[in-house]
Amino acid sequence: MSNFVPPSQHRSLRACMVCSIVLPGSRFRREGCPNCEEFLELSGHDDAIQECTSQVFEGLITLADPTTSWVARWQRLDSYVPGVYAVKVTGILPEEIISTVEAAGVKYIPRDGTSIDDM
């Protein structure tokens, strides 16, 4: 599936607060998050999409091969699928979702520039 988003749909873009991938809201609804779906279960769940993604993000990074990219390593994206990622995602995940993420074996790193210790 193409990652191209026509300019007319840029307002519908959302970023996952766990991995920071940027997709149209309709794609999160249809397919979920390509990196986090197994534990966030966004597909078809509007409430989960609202809680786990944000329309407020800064900067975009396009990664064709995250496994070899120094930028992907620097942003801690090197284990994710190729795509477009936000540098910073504004929003706070609810505590129960952070627990779900960590129970799935994923170390949660806030994508808003703060560290978990600041919370």
PDB file of N, CA and C in Angstrom:
ATOM      1  N   MET A   1       0.844  -1.179   0.000  1.00  0.00           N
ATOM      2  CA  MET A   1       0.000   0.000   0.000  1.00  0.00           C
ATOM      3  C   MET A   1       0.885   1.236   0.000  1.00  0.00           C
ATOM      4  N   SER A   2       0.497   2.241  -0.754  1.00  0.00           N
ATOM      5  CA  SER A   2       1.263   3.472  -0.876  1.00  0.00           C
ATOM      6  C   SER A   2       1.178   4.316   0.382  1.00  0.00           C
ATOM      7  N   ASN A   3       2.266   4.997   0.698  1.00  0.00           N
ATOM      8  CA  ASN A   3       2.284   5.901   1.842  1.00  0.00           C
ATOM      9  C   ASN A   3       2.030   7.340   1.421  1.00  0.00           C
ATOM     10  N   PHE A   4       1.763   7.585   0.117  1.00  0.00           N
ATOM     11  CA  PHE A   4       1.495   8.932  -0.362  1.00  0.00           C
ATOM     12  C   PHE A   4       0.159   9.424   0.179  1.00  0.00           C
ATOM     13  N   VAL A   5       0.169  10.642   0.715  1.00  0.00           N
ATOM     14  CA  VAL A   5      -1.050  11.268   1.219  1.00  0.00           C
ATOM     15  C   VAL A   5      -1.234  12.574   0.465  1.00  0.00           C
ATOM     16  N   PRO A   6      -2.334  12.712  -0.294  1.00  0.00           N
ATOM     17  CA  PRO A   6      -2.545  13.947  -1.031  1.00  0.00           C
ATOM     18  C   PRO A   6      -2.653  15.138  -0.074  1.00  0.00           C
ATOM     19  N   PRO A   7      -2.175  16.314  -0.500  1.00  0.00           N
ATOM     20  CA  PRO A   7      -2.224  17.499   0.364  1.00  0.00           C
ATOM     21  C   PRO A   7      -3.606  17.783   0.942  1.00  0.00           C
ATOM     22  N   SER A   8      -4.655  17.444   0.220  1.00  0.00           N
ATOM     23  CA  SER A   8      -6.011  17.704   0.711  1.00  0.00           C
ATOM     24  C   SER A   8      -6.345  16.889   1.957  1.00  0.00           C
ATOM     25  N   GLN A   9      -5.578  15.834   2.221  1.00  0.00           N
ATOM     26  CA  GLN A   9      -5.849  14.976   3.381  1.00  0.00           C
ATOM     27  C   GLN A   9      -4.842  15.152   4.515  1.00  0.00           C
ATOM     28  N   HIS A  10      -3.946  16.130   4.408  1.00  0.00           N
ATOM     29  CA  HIS A  10      -2.938  16.325   5.455  1.00  0.00           C
ATOM     30  C   HIS A  10      -3.563  16.625   6.808  1.00  0.00           C
ATOM     31  N   ARG A  11      -4.729  17.246   6.825  1.00  0.00           N
ATOM     32  CA  ARG A  11      -5.381  17.566   8.104  1.00  0.00           C
ATOM     33  C   ARG A  11      -5.877  16.317   8.827  1.00  0.00           C
ATOM     34  N   SER A  12      -6.002  15.197   8.107  1.00  0.00           N
ATOM     35  CA  SER A  12      -6.485  13.962   8.726  1.00  0.00           C
ATOM     36  C   SER A  12      -5.350  13.100   9.268  1.00  0.00           C
ATOM     37  N   LEU A  13      -4.106  13.565   9.144  1.00  0.00           N
ATOM     38  CA  LEU A  13      -2.971  12.765   9.598  1.00  0.00           C
ATOM     39  C   LEU A  13      -2.920  12.689  11.121  1.00  0.00           C
ATOM     40  N   ARG A  14      -2.506  11.520  11.600  1.00  0.00           N
ATOM     41  CA  ARG A  14      -2.355  11.291  13.035  1.00  0.00           C
ATOM     42  C   ARG A  14      -1.037  10.542  13.239  1.00  0.00           C
ATOM     43  N   ALA A  15      -0.445  10.697  14.403  1.00  0.00           N
ATOM     44  CA  ALA A  15       0.794  10.004  14.743  1.00  0.00           C
ATOM     45  C   ALA A  15       0.545   9.091  15.936  1.00  0.00           C
ATOM     46  N   CYS A  16       1.036   7.885  15.844  1.00  0.00           N
ATOM     47  CA  CYS A  16       0.941   6.931  16.966  1.00  0.00           C
ATOM     48  C   CYS A  16       1.800   7.451  18.114  1.00  0.00           C
ATOM     49  N   MET A  17       1.263   7.453  19.316  1.00  0.00           N
ATOM     50  CA  MET A  17       2.016   7.949  20.470  1.00  0.00           C
ATOM     51  C   MET A  17       3.025   6.930  21.003  1.00  0.00           C
ATOM     52  N   VAL A  18       2.983   5.702  20.505  1.00  0.00           N
ATOM     53  CA  VAL A  18       3.961   4.700  20.934  1.00  0.00           C
ATOM     54  C   VAL A  18       5.143   4.677  19.967  1.00  0.00           C
ATOM     55  N   CYS A  19       4.892   4.558  18.666  1.00  0.00           N
ATOM     56  CA  CYS A  19       5.993   4.432  17.705  1.00  0.00           C
ATOM     57  C   CYS A  19       6.217   5.684  16.862  1.00  0.00           C
ATOM     58  N   SER A  20       5.273   6.599  16.824  1.00  0.00           N
ATOM     59  CA  SER A  20       5.312   7.884  16.107  1.00  0.00           C
ATOM     60  C   SER A  20       5.103   7.785  14.591  1.00  0.00           C
ATOM     61  N   ILE A  21       4.639   6.639  14.074  1.00  0.00           N
ATOM     62  CA  ILE A  21       4.344   6.565  12.645  1.00  0.00           C
ATOM     63  C   ILE A  21       3.170   7.501  12.346  1.00  0.00           C
ATOM     64  N   VAL A  22       3.234   8.151  11.177  1.00  0.00           N
ATOM     65  CA  VAL A  22       2.203   9.107  10.776  1.00  0.00           C
ATOM     66  C   VAL A  22       1.397   8.494   9.629  1.00  0.00           C
ATOM     67  N   LEU A  23       0.079   8.420   9.829  1.00  0.00           N
ATOM     68  CA  LEU A  23      -0.842   7.867   8.832  1.00  0.00           C
ATOM     69  C   LEU A  23      -2.140   8.659   8.874  1.00  0.00           C
ATOM     70  N   PRO A  24      -2.924   8.598   7.793  1.00  0.00           N
ATOM     71  CA  PRO A  24      -4.269   9.196   7.872  1.00  0.00           C
ATOM     72  C   PRO A  24      -5.098   8.447   8.918  1.00  0.00           C
ATOM     73  N   GLY A  25      -5.975   9.159   9.614  1.00  0.00           N
ATOM     74  CA  GLY A  25      -6.843   8.533  10.608  1.00  0.00           C
ATOM     75  C   GLY A  25      -7.623   7.369  10.037  1.00  0.00           C
ATOM     76  N   SER A  26      -8.036   7.487   8.772  1.00  0.00           N
ATOM     77  CA  SER A  26      -8.809   6.413   8.139  1.00  0.00           C
ATOM     78  C   SER A  26      -7.980   5.138   7.993  1.00  0.00           C
ATOM     79  N   ARG A  27      -6.668   5.271   7.809  1.00  0.00           N
ATOM     80  CA  ARG A  27      -5.819   4.085   7.679  1.00  0.00           C
ATOM     81  C   ARG A  27      -5.623   3.420   9.048  1.00  0.00           C
ATOM     82  N   PHE A  28      -5.472   4.229  10.111  1.00  0.00           N
ATOM     83  CA  PHE A  28      -5.425   3.639  11.456  1.00  0.00           C
ATOM     84  C   PHE A  28      -6.721   2.873  11.717  1.00  0.00           C
ATOM     85  N   ARG A  29      -7.855   3.445  11.303  1.00  0.00           N
ATOM     86  CA  ARG A  29      -9.160   2.811  11.523  1.00  0.00           C
ATOM     87  C   ARG A  29      -9.269   1.505  10.734  1.00  0.00           C
ATOM     88  N   ARG A  30      -8.781   1.514   9.494  1.00  0.00           N
ATOM     89  CA  ARG A  30      -8.902   0.354   8.608  1.00  0.00           C
ATOM     90  C   ARG A  30      -7.879  -0.742   8.941  1.00  0.00           C
ATOM     91  N   GLU A  31      -6.607  -0.348   9.190  1.00  0.00           N
ATOM     92  CA  GLU A  31      -5.528  -1.331   9.330  1.00  0.00           C
ATOM     93  C   GLU A  31      -4.858  -1.346  10.704  1.00  0.00           C
ATOM     94  N   GLY A  32      -5.094  -0.321  11.500  1.00  0.00           N
ATOM     95  CA  GLY A  32      -4.390  -0.206  12.773  1.00  0.00           C
ATOM     96  C   GLY A  32      -2.982   0.318  12.556  1.00  0.00           C
ATOM     97  N   CYS A  33      -2.169   0.266  13.589  1.00  0.00           N
ATOM     98  CA  CYS A  33      -0.778   0.713  13.512  1.00  0.00           C
ATOM     99  C   CYS A  33       0.089  -0.452  13.039  1.00  0.00           C
ATOM    100  N   PRO A  34       0.907  -0.241  11.994  1.00  0.00           N
ATOM    101  CA  PRO A  34       1.722  -1.353  11.487  1.00  0.00           C
ATOM    102  C   PRO A  34       2.791  -1.832  12.466  1.00  0.00           C
ATOM    103  N   ASN A  35       3.117  -1.034  13.469  1.00  0.00           N
ATOM    104  CA  ASN A  35       4.116  -1.433  14.461  1.00  0.00           C
ATOM    105  C   ASN A  35       3.511  -1.910  15.776  1.00  0.00           C
ATOM    106  N   CYS A  36       2.357  -1.389  16.140  1.00  0.00           N
ATOM    107  CA  CYS A  36       1.816  -1.576  17.486  1.00  0.00           C
ATOM    108  C   CYS A  36       0.457  -2.272  17.533  1.00  0.00           C
ATOM    109  N   GLU A  37      -0.051  -2.705  16.403  1.00  0.00           N
ATOM    110  CA  GLU A  37      -1.419  -3.229  16.345  1.00  0.00           C
ATOM    111  C   GLU A  37      -1.656  -4.410  17.274  1.00  0.00           C
ATOM    112  N   GLU A  38      -0.661  -5.293  17.421  1.00  0.00           N
ATOM    113  CA  GLU A  38      -0.892  -6.494  18.222  1.00  0.00           C
ATOM    114  C   GLU A  38      -1.232  -6.192  19.675  1.00  0.00           C
ATOM    115  N   PHE A  39      -0.807  -5.045  20.202  1.00  0.00           N
ATOM    116  CA  PHE A  39      -1.167  -4.713  21.583  1.00  0.00           C
ATOM    117  C   PHE A  39      -2.057  -3.479  21.711  1.00  0.00           C
ATOM    118  N   LEU A  40      -2.050  -2.549  20.741  1.00  0.00           N
ATOM    119  CA  LEU A  40      -2.935  -1.381  20.832  1.00  0.00           C
ATOM    120  C   LEU A  40      -4.331  -1.648  20.270  1.00  0.00           C
ATOM    121  N   GLU A  41      -4.422  -2.552  19.293  1.00  0.00           N
ATOM    122  CA  GLU A  41      -5.707  -2.938  18.685  1.00  0.00           C
ATOM    123  C   GLU A  41      -6.514  -1.707  18.243  1.00  0.00           C
ATOM    124  N   LEU A  42      -5.915  -0.900  17.379  1.00  0.00           N
ATOM    125  CA  LEU A  42      -6.568   0.321  16.890  1.00  0.00           C
ATOM    126  C   LEU A  42      -7.574   0.063  15.780  1.00  0.00           C
ATOM    127  N   SER A  43      -7.345  -0.953  14.988  1.00  0.00           N
ATOM    128  CA  SER A  43      -8.191  -1.238  13.826  1.00  0.00           C
ATOM    129  C   SER A  43      -9.669  -1.339  14.205  1.00  0.00           C
ATOM    130  N   GLY A  44     -10.461  -0.434  13.641  1.00  0.00           N
ATOM    131  CA  GLY A  44     -11.893  -0.450  13.871  1.00  0.00           C
ATOM    132  C   GLY A  44     -12.339   0.113  15.208  1.00  0.00           C
ATOM    133  N   HIS A  45     -11.428   0.668  15.991  1.00  0.00           N
ATOM    134  CA  HIS A  45     -11.764   1.173  17.326  1.00  0.00           C
ATOM    135  C   HIS A  45     -11.450   2.671  17.429  1.00  0.00           C
ATOM    136  N   ASP A  46     -12.454   3.500  17.157  1.00  0.00           N
ATOM    137  CA  ASP A  46     -12.261   4.950  17.173  1.00  0.00           C
ATOM    138  C   ASP A  46     -11.785   5.470  18.529  1.00  0.00           C
ATOM    139  N   ASP A  47     -12.289   4.913  19.624  1.00  0.00           N
ATOM    140  CA  ASP A  47     -11.866   5.367  20.957  1.00  0.00           C
ATOM    141  C   ASP A  47     -10.373   5.105  21.166  1.00  0.00           C
ATOM    142  N   ALA A  48      -9.905   3.946  20.767  1.00  0.00           N
ATOM    143  CA  ALA A  48      -8.488   3.609  20.909  1.00  0.00           C
ATOM    144  C   ALA A  48      -7.630   4.520  20.030  1.00  0.00           C
ATOM    145  N   ILE A  49      -8.103   4.826  18.838  1.00  0.00           N
ATOM    146  CA  ILE A  49      -7.366   5.728  17.945  1.00  0.00           C
ATOM    147  C   ILE A  49      -7.246   7.105  18.594  1.00  0.00           C
ATOM    148  N   GLN A  50      -8.310   7.597  19.201  1.00  0.00           N
ATOM    149  CA  GLN A  50      -8.279   8.896  19.871  1.00  0.00           C
ATOM    150  C   GLN A  50      -7.305   8.888  21.058  1.00  0.00           C
ATOM    151  N   GLU A  51      -7.248   7.777  21.800  1.00  0.00           N
ATOM    152  CA  GLU A  51      -6.389   7.690  22.983  1.00  0.00           C
ATOM    153  C   GLU A  51      -4.915   7.475  22.643  1.00  0.00           C
ATOM    154  N   CYS A  52      -4.640   6.755  21.546  1.00  0.00           N
ATOM    155  CA  CYS A  52      -3.274   6.306  21.263  1.00  0.00           C
ATOM    156  C   CYS A  52      -2.586   7.035  20.121  1.00  0.00           C
ATOM    157  N   THR A  53      -3.307   7.922  19.425  1.00  0.00           N
ATOM    158  CA  THR A  53      -2.699   8.702  18.350  1.00  0.00           C
ATOM    159  C   THR A  53      -2.993  10.178  18.596  1.00  0.00           C
ATOM    160  N   SER A  54      -2.242  11.029  17.916  1.00  0.00           N
ATOM    161  CA  SER A  54      -2.400  12.468  18.105  1.00  0.00           C
ATOM    162  C   SER A  54      -2.348  13.185  16.763  1.00  0.00           C
ATOM    163  N   GLN A  55      -3.135  14.238  16.638  1.00  0.00           N
ATOM    164  CA  GLN A  55      -3.076  15.087  15.446  1.00  0.00           C
ATOM    165  C   GLN A  55      -1.996  16.148  15.592  1.00  0.00           C
ATOM    166  N   VAL A  56      -1.389  16.250  16.773  1.00  0.00           N
ATOM    167  CA  VAL A  56      -0.391  17.279  17.050  1.00  0.00           C
ATOM    168  C   VAL A  56       0.992  16.634  17.075  1.00  0.00           C
ATOM    169  N   PHE A  57       1.781  16.913  16.051  1.00  0.00           N
ATOM    170  CA  PHE A  57       3.137  16.369  15.965  1.00  0.00           C
ATOM    171  C   PHE A  57       4.017  17.344  15.200  1.00  0.00           C
ATOM    172  N   GLU A  58       5.325  17.178  15.368  1.00  0.00           N
ATOM    173  CA  GLU A  58       6.299  18.060  14.731  1.00  0.00           C
ATOM    174  C   GLU A  58       7.307  17.244  13.937  1.00  0.00           C
ATOM    175  N   GLY A  59       7.737  17.793  12.808  1.00  0.00           N
ATOM    176  CA  GLY A  59       8.793  17.190  12.009  1.00  0.00           C
ATOM    177  C   GLY A  59       8.408  15.854  11.434  1.00  0.00           C
ATOM    178  N   LEU A  60       8.888  15.570  10.255  1.00  0.00           N
ATOM    179  CA  LEU A  60       8.624  14.281   9.620  1.00  0.00           C
ATOM    180  C   LEU A  60       9.933  13.664   9.160  1.00  0.00           C
ATOM    181  N   ILE A  61      10.061  12.370   9.352  1.00  0.00           N
ATOM    182  CA  ILE A  61      11.209  11.590   8.905  1.00  0.00           C
ATOM    183  C   ILE A  61      10.663  10.485   8.023  1.00  0.00           C
ATOM    184  N   THR A  62      11.187  10.367   6.821  1.00  0.00           N
ATOM    185  CA  THR A  62      10.794   9.268   5.942  1.00  0.00           C
ATOM    186  C   THR A  62      11.891   8.213   6.001  1.00  0.00           C
ATOM    187  N   LEU A  63      11.531   7.010   6.400  1.00  0.00           N
ATOM    188  CA  LEU A  63      12.496   5.923   6.532  1.00  0.00           C
ATOM    189  C   LEU A  63      12.206   4.830   5.522  1.00  0.00           C
ATOM    190  N   ALA A  64      13.150   4.620   4.614  1.00  0.00           N
ATOM    191  CA  ALA A  64      13.021   3.545   3.628  1.00  0.00           C
ATOM    192  C   ALA A  64      13.583   2.241   4.182  1.00  0.00           C
ATOM    193  N   ASP A  65      14.657   2.338   4.955  1.00  0.00           N
ATOM    194  CA  ASP A  65      15.283   1.154   5.545  1.00  0.00           C
ATOM    195  C   ASP A  65      15.691   1.470   6.986  1.00  0.00           C
ATOM    196  N   PRO A  66      14.742   1.368   7.914  1.00  0.00           N
ATOM    197  CA  PRO A  66      15.022   1.737   9.305  1.00  0.00           C
ATOM    198  C   PRO A  66      16.172   0.954   9.953  1.00  0.00           C
ATOM    199  N   THR A  67      16.435  -0.253   9.480  1.00  0.00           N
ATOM    200  CA  THR A  67      17.468  -1.081  10.114  1.00  0.00           C
ATOM    201  C   THR A  67      18.877  -0.560   9.868  1.00  0.00           C
ATOM    202  N   THR A  68      19.091   0.222   8.808  1.00  0.00           N
ATOM    203  CA  THR A  68      20.435   0.724   8.500  1.00  0.00           C
ATOM    204  C   THR A  68      20.558   2.232   8.664  1.00  0.00           C
ATOM    205  N   SER A  69      19.518   2.896   9.053  1.00  0.00           N
ATOM    206  CA  SER A  69      19.512   4.358   9.144  1.00  0.00           C
ATOM    207  C   SER A  69      20.000   4.851  10.507  1.00  0.00           C
ATOM    208  N   TRP A  70      20.985   5.751  10.504  1.00  0.00           N
ATOM    209  CA  TRP A  70      21.437   6.326  11.780  1.00  0.00           C
ATOM    210  C   TRP A  70      20.346   7.204  12.378  1.00  0.00           C
ATOM    211  N   VAL A  71      19.532   7.842  11.523  1.00  0.00           N
ATOM    212  CA  VAL A  71      18.434   8.669  12.019  1.00  0.00           C
ATOM    213  C   VAL A  71      17.408   7.778  12.732  1.00  0.00           C
ATOM    214  N   ALA A  72      17.136   6.616  12.163  1.00  0.00           N
ATOM    215  CA  ALA A  72      16.206   5.676  12.802  1.00  0.00           C
ATOM    216  C   ALA A  72      16.743   5.234  14.160  1.00  0.00           C
ATOM    217  N   ARG A  73      18.036   4.941  14.237  1.00  0.00           N
ATOM    218  CA  ARG A  73      18.630   4.562  15.534  1.00  0.00           C
ATOM    219  C   ARG A  73      18.536   5.718  16.527  1.00  0.00           C
ATOM    220  N   TRP A  74      18.842   6.927  16.079  1.00  0.00           N
ATOM    221  CA  TRP A  74      18.808   8.119  16.934  1.00  0.00           C
ATOM    222  C   TRP A  74      17.400   8.371  17.472  1.00  0.00           C
ATOM    223  N   GLN A  75      16.375   8.133  16.633  1.00  0.00           N
ATOM    224  CA  GLN A  75      14.981   8.341  17.034  1.00  0.00           C
ATOM    225  C   GLN A  75      14.351   7.083  17.644  1.00  0.00           C
ATOM    226  N   ARG A  76      15.135   6.015  17.758  1.00  0.00           N
ATOM    227  CA  ARG A  76      14.667   4.724  18.279  1.00  0.00           C
ATOM    228  C   ARG A  76      13.526   4.163  17.433  1.00  0.00           C
ATOM    229  N   LEU A  77      13.740   4.199  16.124  1.00  0.00           N
ATOM    230  CA  LEU A  77      12.753   3.695  15.168  1.00  0.00           C
ATOM    231  C   LEU A  77      13.298   2.518  14.359  1.00  0.00           C
ATOM    232  N   ASP A  78      14.504   2.055  14.672  1.00  0.00           N
ATOM    233  CA  ASP A  78      15.186   1.072  13.838  1.00  0.00           C
ATOM    234  C   ASP A  78      14.556  -0.318  13.825  1.00  0.00           C
ATOM    235  N   SER A  79      13.616  -0.588  14.714  1.00  0.00           N
ATOM    236  CA  SER A  79      12.960  -1.905  14.691  1.00  0.00           C
ATOM    237  C   SER A  79      11.551  -1.816  14.092  1.00  0.00           C
ATOM    238  N   TYR A  80      11.212  -0.675  13.511  1.00  0.00           N
ATOM    239  CA  TYR A  80       9.867  -0.461  12.963  1.00  0.00           C
ATOM    240  C   TYR A  80       9.841  -0.597  11.443  1.00  0.00           C
ATOM    241  N   VAL A  81       8.640  -0.608  10.882  1.00  0.00           N
ATOM    242  CA  VAL A  81       8.464  -0.748   9.439  1.00  0.00           C
ATOM    243  C   VAL A  81       8.859   0.552   8.728  1.00  0.00           C
ATOM    244  N   PRO A  82       9.253   0.464   7.455  1.00  0.00           N
ATOM    245  CA  PRO A  82       9.509   1.682   6.687  1.00  0.00           C
ATOM    246  C   PRO A  82       8.251   2.552   6.649  1.00  0.00           C
ATOM    247  N   GLY A  83       8.430   3.857   6.628  1.00  0.00           N
ATOM    248  CA  GLY A  83       7.285   4.760   6.575  1.00  0.00           C
ATOM    249  C   GLY A  83       7.678   6.165   6.966  1.00  0.00           C
ATOM    250  N   VAL A  84       6.668   6.979   7.261  1.00  0.00           N
ATOM    251  CA  VAL A  84       6.865   8.365   7.667  1.00  0.00           C
ATOM    252  C   VAL A  84       6.595   8.451   9.174  1.00  0.00           C
ATOM    253  N   TYR A  85       7.537   9.037   9.902  1.00  0.00           N
ATOM    254  CA  TYR A  85       7.456   9.136  11.352  1.00  0.00           C
ATOM    255  C   TYR A  85       7.585  10.591  11.798  1.00  0.00           C
ATOM    256  N   ALA A  86       6.918  10.914  12.899  1.00  0.00           N
ATOM    257  CA  ALA A  86       7.038  12.247  13.489  1.00  0.00           C
ATOM    258  C   ALA A  86       8.271  12.283  14.384  1.00  0.00           C
ATOM    259  N   VAL A  87       8.928  13.432  14.440  1.00  0.00           N
ATOM    260  CA  VAL A  87      10.058  13.617  15.333  1.00  0.00           C
ATOM    261  C   VAL A  87       9.558  13.750  16.769  1.00  0.00           C
ATOM    262  N   LYS A  88       8.433  14.441  16.936  1.00  0.00           N
ATOM    263  CA  LYS A  88       7.864  14.681  18.261  1.00  0.00           C
ATOM    264  C   LYS A  88       6.355  14.567  18.159  1.00  0.00           C
ATOM    265  N   VAL A  89       5.732  13.827  19.072  1.00  0.00           N
ATOM    266  CA  VAL A  89       4.277  13.648  19.094  1.00  0.00           C
ATOM    267  C   VAL A  89       3.753  14.180  20.422  1.00  0.00           C
ATOM    268  N   THR A  90       2.810  15.104  20.356  1.00  0.00           N
ATOM    269  CA  THR A  90       2.235  15.685  21.559  1.00  0.00           C
ATOM    270  C   THR A  90       1.034  14.862  22.006  1.00  0.00           C
ATOM    271  N   GLY A  91       1.022  14.503  23.267  1.00  0.00           N
ATOM    272  CA  GLY A  91      -0.086  13.737  23.819  1.00  0.00           C
ATOM    273  C   GLY A  91       0.405  12.842  24.936  1.00  0.00           C
ATOM    274  N   ILE A  92      -0.515  12.426  25.772  1.00  0.00           N
ATOM    275  CA  ILE A  92      -0.180  11.570  26.907  1.00  0.00           C
ATOM    276  C   ILE A  92      -1.021  10.304  26.842  1.00  0.00           C
ATOM    277  N   LEU A  93      -0.343   9.180  26.832  1.00  0.00           N
ATOM    278  CA  LEU A  93      -1.059   7.898  26.850  1.00  0.00           C
ATOM    279  C   LEU A  93      -1.619   7.651  28.248  1.00  0.00           C
ATOM    280  N   PRO A  94      -2.838   7.124  28.333  1.00  0.00           N
ATOM    281  CA  PRO A  94      -3.385   6.747  29.646  1.00  0.00           C
ATOM    282  C   PRO A  94      -2.514   5.658  30.288  1.00  0.00           C
ATOM    283  N   GLU A  95      -2.434   5.669  31.608  1.00  0.00           N
ATOM    284  CA  GLU A  95      -1.612   4.701  32.350  1.00  0.00           C
ATOM    285  C   GLU A  95      -1.918   3.256  31.979  1.00  0.00           C
ATOM    286  N   GLU A  96      -3.213   2.909  31.790  1.00  0.00           N
ATOM    287  CA  GLU A  96      -3.550   1.512  31.482  1.00  0.00           C
ATOM    288  C   GLU A  96      -3.003   1.098  30.120  1.00  0.00           C
ATOM    289  N   ILE A  97      -2.889   2.041  29.197  1.00  0.00           N
ATOM    290  CA  ILE A  97      -2.323   1.708  27.878  1.00  0.00           C
ATOM    291  C   ILE A  97      -0.811   1.558  27.990  1.00  0.00           C
ATOM    292  N   ILE A  98      -0.165   2.392  28.792  1.00  0.00           N
ATOM    293  CA  ILE A  98       1.279   2.234  29.022  1.00  0.00           C
ATOM    294  C   ILE A  98       1.543   0.861  29.626  1.00  0.00           C
ATOM    295  N   SER A  99       0.705   0.423  30.555  1.00  0.00           N
ATOM    296  CA  SER A  99       0.849  -0.913  31.158  1.00  0.00           C
ATOM    297  C   SER A  99       0.688  -2.003  30.107  1.00  0.00           C
ATOM    298  N   THR A 100      -0.283  -1.839  29.201  1.00  0.00           N
ATOM    299  CA  THR A 100      -0.505  -2.808  28.115  1.00  0.00           C
ATOM    300  C   THR A 100       0.703  -2.885  27.196  1.00  0.00           C
ATOM    301  N   VAL A 101       1.251  -1.719  26.844  1.00  0.00           N
ATOM    302  CA  VAL A 101       2.434  -1.651  25.972  1.00  0.00           C
ATOM    303  C   VAL A 101       3.597  -2.393  26.628  1.00  0.00           C
ATOM    304  N   GLU A 102       3.851  -2.100  27.887  1.00  0.00           N
ATOM    305  CA  GLU A 102       4.982  -2.722  28.569  1.00  0.00           C
ATOM    306  C   GLU A 102       4.755  -4.210  28.826  1.00  0.00           C
ATOM    307  N   ALA A 103       3.500  -4.610  29.035  1.00  0.00           N
ATOM    308  CA  ALA A 103       3.190  -6.034  29.200  1.00  0.00           C
ATOM    309  C   ALA A 103       3.449  -6.801  27.905  1.00  0.00           C
ATOM    310  N   ALA A 104       3.384  -6.097  26.766  1.00  0.00           N
ATOM    311  CA  ALA A 104       3.671  -6.721  25.473  1.00  0.00           C
ATOM    312  C   ALA A 104       5.174  -6.796  25.202  1.00  0.00           C
ATOM    313  N   GLY A 105       5.971  -6.337  26.180  1.00  0.00           N
ATOM    314  CA  GLY A 105       7.423  -6.414  26.039  1.00  0.00           C
ATOM    315  C   GLY A 105       8.042  -5.228  25.326  1.00  0.00           C
ATOM    316  N   VAL A 106       7.287  -4.138  25.162  1.00  0.00           N
ATOM    317  CA  VAL A 106       7.783  -2.947  24.482  1.00  0.00           C
ATOM    318  C   VAL A 106       8.086  -1.890  25.538  1.00  0.00           C
ATOM    319  N   LYS A 107       9.315  -1.374  25.516  1.00  0.00           N
ATOM    320  CA  LYS A 107       9.668  -0.304  26.455  1.00  0.00           C
ATOM    321  C   LYS A 107       9.036   0.982  25.942  1.00  0.00           C
ATOM    322  N   TYR A 108       8.130   1.561  26.725  1.00  0.00           N
ATOM    323  CA  TYR A 108       7.454   2.789  26.312  1.00  0.00           C
ATOM    324  C   TYR A 108       8.385   3.983  26.484  1.00  0.00           C
ATOM    325  N   ILE A 109       8.581   4.716  25.399  1.00  0.00           N
ATOM    326  CA  ILE A 109       9.375   5.941  25.400  1.00  0.00           C
ATOM    327  C   ILE A 109       8.448   7.058  24.938  1.00  0.00           C
ATOM    328  N   PRO A 110       8.112   8.007  25.807  1.00  0.00           N
ATOM    329  CA  PRO A 110       7.232   9.101  25.371  1.00  0.00           C
ATOM    330  C   PRO A 110       7.817   9.795  24.136  1.00  0.00           C
ATOM    331  N   ARG A 111       6.990  10.057  23.158  1.00  0.00           N
ATOM    332  CA  ARG A 111       7.429  10.662  21.905  1.00  0.00           C
ATOM    333  C   ARG A 111       7.268  12.183  21.906  1.00  0.00           C
ATOM    334  N   ASP A 112       7.014  12.760  23.114  1.00  0.00           N
ATOM    335  CA  ASP A 112       6.814  14.205  23.182  1.00  0.00           C
ATOM    336  C   ASP A 112       8.059  14.970  23.645  1.00  0.00           C
ATOM    337  N   GLY A 113       9.181  14.273  23.764  1.00  0.00           N
ATOM    338  CA  GLY A 113      10.412  14.937  24.161  1.00  0.00           C
ATOM    339  C   GLY A 113      10.696  14.868  25.651  1.00  0.00           C
ATOM    340  N   THR A 114       9.725  14.389  26.454  1.00  0.00           N
ATOM    341  CA  THR A 114       9.966  14.218  27.882  1.00  0.00           C
ATOM    342  C   THR A 114      10.414  12.783  28.124  1.00  0.00           C
ATOM    343  N   SER A 115      10.931  12.540  29.285  1.00  0.00           N
ATOM    344  CA  SER A 115      11.238  11.153  29.609  1.00  0.00           C
ATOM    345  C   SER A 115      10.163  10.653  30.577  1.00  0.00           C
ATOM    346  N   ILE A 116      10.023   9.365  30.655  1.00  0.00           N
ATOM    347  CA  ILE A 116       9.021   8.765  31.530  1.00  0.00           C
ATOM    348  C   ILE A 116       9.294   9.144  32.983  1.00  0.00           C
ATOM    349  N   ASP A 117      10.547   9.430  33.326  1.00  0.00           N
ATOM    350  CA  ASP A 117      10.902   9.812  34.690  1.00  0.00           C
ATOM    351  C   ASP A 117      10.364  11.195  35.047  1.00  0.00           C
ATOM    352  N   ASP A 118      10.069  12.048  34.033  1.00  0.00           N
ATOM    353  CA  ASP A 118       9.555  13.387  34.276  1.00  0.00           C
ATOM    354  C   ASP A 118       8.094  13.365  34.669  1.00  0.00           C
ATOM    355  N   MET A 119       7.409  12.238  34.455  1.00  0.00           N
ATOM    356  CA  MET A 119       5.960  12.181  34.673  1.00  0.00           C
ATOM    357  C   MET A 119       5.633  12.017  36.127  1.00  0.00           C
TER     358      MET A 119
END
